Amino acid sequence: MNYGEIKKCDIANGVGVRVSLFVSGCRHHCEDCFNAVTWDFCYGHEFTPAVEDELVGALSKSYIRGLTLIGGEPGIGKSTILLQLCGE
């Protein structure tokens, strides 16, 4: 799985201060998409165990309210890593 960006202090993509993971890949290709660069499943960086540790560390801060999965389309090609992070 690839991702485009991790925002560790995001107030624009959910309630409260959140960590947002912008995943790569989308087949919907919606007209006027604000993040069309993430349609490519190979866009960005590989989601490695080190990146997972970085994400978990960012989520451990007391002021963080949660994780926002955005992209791309987070529900396409569900990653076991993302399912573990979400507690599924």
C-alpha atoms as a PDB file:
ATOM      1  CA  MET A   1       0.000   0.000   0.000  1.00  0.00           C
ATOM      2  CA  ASN A   2       1.158   3.518  -0.752  1.00  0.00           C
ATOM      3  CA  TYR A   3       0.232   6.782   0.890  1.00  0.00           C
ATOM      4  CA  GLY A   4       0.621  10.385  -0.145  1.00  0.00           C
ATOM      5  CA  GLU A   5       0.909  12.158   3.173  1.00  0.00           C
ATOM      6  CA  ILE A   6       0.455  11.911   6.921  1.00  0.00           C
ATOM      7  CA  LYS A   7      -0.835  15.009   8.695  1.00  0.00           C
ATOM      8  CA  LYS A   8      -0.077  14.660  12.385  1.00  0.00           C
ATOM      9  CA  CYS A   9      -2.096  17.644  13.591  1.00  0.00           C
ATOM     10  CA  ASP A  10      -5.115  18.021  11.294  1.00  0.00           C
ATOM     11  CA  ILE A  11      -8.188  20.071  12.169  1.00  0.00           C
ATOM     12  CA  ALA A  12      -9.738  20.055   8.672  1.00  0.00           C
ATOM     13  CA  ASN A  13     -10.633  16.376   8.216  1.00  0.00           C
ATOM     14  CA  GLY A  14     -12.776  15.335  11.151  1.00  0.00           C
ATOM     15  CA  VAL A  15     -13.885  16.338  14.618  1.00  0.00           C
ATOM     16  CA  GLY A  16     -11.153  17.661  16.891  1.00  0.00           C
ATOM     17  CA  VAL A  17      -7.425  17.409  16.319  1.00  0.00           C
ATOM     18  CA  ARG A  18      -6.708  14.264  14.329  1.00  0.00           C
ATOM     19  CA  VAL A  19      -4.014  12.391  12.483  1.00  0.00           C
ATOM     20  CA  SER A  20      -4.904  12.024   8.799  1.00  0.00           C
ATOM     21  CA  LEU A  21      -3.488   9.381   6.486  1.00  0.00           C
ATOM     22  CA  PHE A  22      -3.921  10.172   2.799  1.00  0.00           C
ATOM     23  CA  VAL A  23      -3.878   6.773   1.100  1.00  0.00           C
ATOM     24  CA  SER A  24      -3.116   6.283  -2.588  1.00  0.00           C
ATOM     25  CA  GLY A  25      -5.478   4.765  -5.113  1.00  0.00           C
ATOM     26  CA  CYS A  26      -9.015   5.455  -6.252  1.00  0.00           C
ATOM     27  CA  ARG A  27     -11.151   4.050  -9.061  1.00  0.00           C
ATOM     28  CA  HIS A  28     -14.040   6.508  -8.668  1.00  0.00           C
ATOM     29  CA  HIS A  29     -12.337   9.462 -10.423  1.00  0.00           C
ATOM     30  CA  CYS A  30     -15.038  11.903  -9.307  1.00  0.00           C
ATOM     31  CA  GLU A  31     -15.419  15.088 -11.303  1.00  0.00           C
ATOM     32  CA  ASP A  32     -13.902  18.043  -9.416  1.00  0.00           C
ATOM     33  CA  CYS A  33     -12.000  15.750  -7.007  1.00  0.00           C
ATOM     34  CA  PHE A  34      -9.862  17.917  -4.732  1.00  0.00           C
ATOM     35  CA  ASN A  35      -7.123  15.277  -4.517  1.00  0.00           C
ATOM     36  CA  ALA A  36      -6.955  13.658  -7.970  1.00  0.00           C
ATOM     37  CA  VAL A  37      -3.209  13.096  -7.667  1.00  0.00           C
ATOM     38  CA  THR A  38      -4.006  10.248  -5.229  1.00  0.00           C
ATOM     39  CA  TRP A  39      -5.989   8.273  -7.844  1.00  0.00           C
ATOM     40  CA  ASP A  40      -2.761   6.494  -8.814  1.00  0.00           C
ATOM     41  CA  PHE A  41      -2.237   3.452  -6.569  1.00  0.00           C
ATOM     42  CA  CYS A  42       1.556   3.933  -6.903  1.00  0.00           C
ATOM     43  CA  TYR A  43       1.496   7.601  -5.859  1.00  0.00           C
ATOM     44  CA  GLY A  44       3.537   8.666  -2.849  1.00  0.00           C
ATOM     45  CA  HIS A  45       5.459   6.484  -0.443  1.00  0.00           C
ATOM     46  CA  GLU A  46       5.317   2.840   0.594  1.00  0.00           C
ATOM     47  CA  PHE A  47       3.527   2.210   3.890  1.00  0.00           C
ATOM     48  CA  THR A  48       6.273   0.350   5.771  1.00  0.00           C
ATOM     49  CA  PRO A  49       6.483  -0.893   9.366  1.00  0.00           C
ATOM     50  CA  ALA A  50       8.534   2.229  10.172  1.00  0.00           C
ATOM     51  CA  VAL A  51       5.747   4.446   8.797  1.00  0.00           C
ATOM     52  CA  GLU A  52       3.215   2.445  10.819  1.00  0.00           C
ATOM     53  CA  ASP A  53       5.282   3.107  13.965  1.00  0.00           C
ATOM     54  CA  GLU A  54       5.390   6.817  13.089  1.00  0.00           C
ATOM     55  CA  LEU A  55       1.618   6.861  12.655  1.00  0.00           C
ATOM     56  CA  VAL A  56       0.974   5.012  15.922  1.00  0.00           C
ATOM     57  CA  GLY A  57       3.328   7.416  17.707  1.00  0.00           C
ATOM     58  CA  ALA A  58       1.438  10.407  16.329  1.00  0.00           C
ATOM     59  CA  LEU A  59      -1.860   8.853  17.465  1.00  0.00           C
ATOM     60  CA  SER A  60      -0.566   8.392  21.017  1.00  0.00           C
ATOM     61  CA  LYS A  61      -0.528  12.121  21.772  1.00  0.00           C
ATOM     62  CA  SER A  62      -3.091  13.102  24.420  1.00  0.00           C
ATOM     63  CA  TYR A  63      -4.631  15.865  22.283  1.00  0.00           C
ATOM     64  CA  ILE A  64      -5.310  13.601  19.275  1.00  0.00           C
ATOM     65  CA  ARG A  65      -8.966  12.643  18.957  1.00  0.00           C
ATOM     66  CA  GLY A  66      -8.612  10.007  16.245  1.00  0.00           C
ATOM     67  CA  LEU A  67      -7.423   8.819  12.855  1.00  0.00           C
ATOM     68  CA  THR A  68      -8.906  10.005   9.566  1.00  0.00           C
ATOM     69  CA  LEU A  69      -8.373   7.813   6.501  1.00  0.00           C
ATOM     70  CA  ILE A  70      -8.670   9.906   3.370  1.00  0.00           C
ATOM     71  CA  GLY A  71      -7.199   9.789  -0.057  1.00  0.00           C
ATOM     72  CA  GLY A  72      -7.592   8.248  -2.615  1.00  0.00           C
ATOM     73  CA  GLU A  73     -10.235   5.828  -1.536  1.00  0.00           C
ATOM     74  CA  PRO A  74      -9.297   4.130   1.761  1.00  0.00           C
ATOM     75  CA  GLY A  75     -11.868   1.341   1.287  1.00  0.00           C
ATOM     76  CA  ILE A  76     -10.385   0.007  -1.947  1.00  0.00           C
ATOM     77  CA  GLY A  77      -7.921  -2.847  -1.532  1.00  0.00           C
ATOM     78  CA  LYS A  78      -8.230  -2.899   2.239  1.00  0.00           C
ATOM     79  CA  SER A  79      -4.840  -3.199   3.827  1.00  0.00           C
ATOM     80  CA  THR A  80      -4.462  -5.451   6.853  1.00  0.00           C
ATOM     81  CA  ILE A  81      -2.303  -2.708   8.351  1.00  0.00           C
ATOM     82  CA  LEU A  82      -5.166  -0.220   8.145  1.00  0.00           C
ATOM     83  CA  LEU A  83      -7.618  -2.756   9.531  1.00  0.00           C
ATOM     84  CA  GLN A  84      -5.310  -3.346  12.517  1.00  0.00           C
ATOM     85  CA  LEU A  85      -4.960   0.405  13.099  1.00  0.00           C
ATOM     86  CA  CYS A  86      -8.736   0.750  13.050  1.00  0.00           C
ATOM     87  CA  GLY A  87      -9.237  -2.167  15.439  1.00  0.00           C
ATOM     88  CA  GLU A  88     -11.112  -4.382  12.968  1.00  0.00           C
END
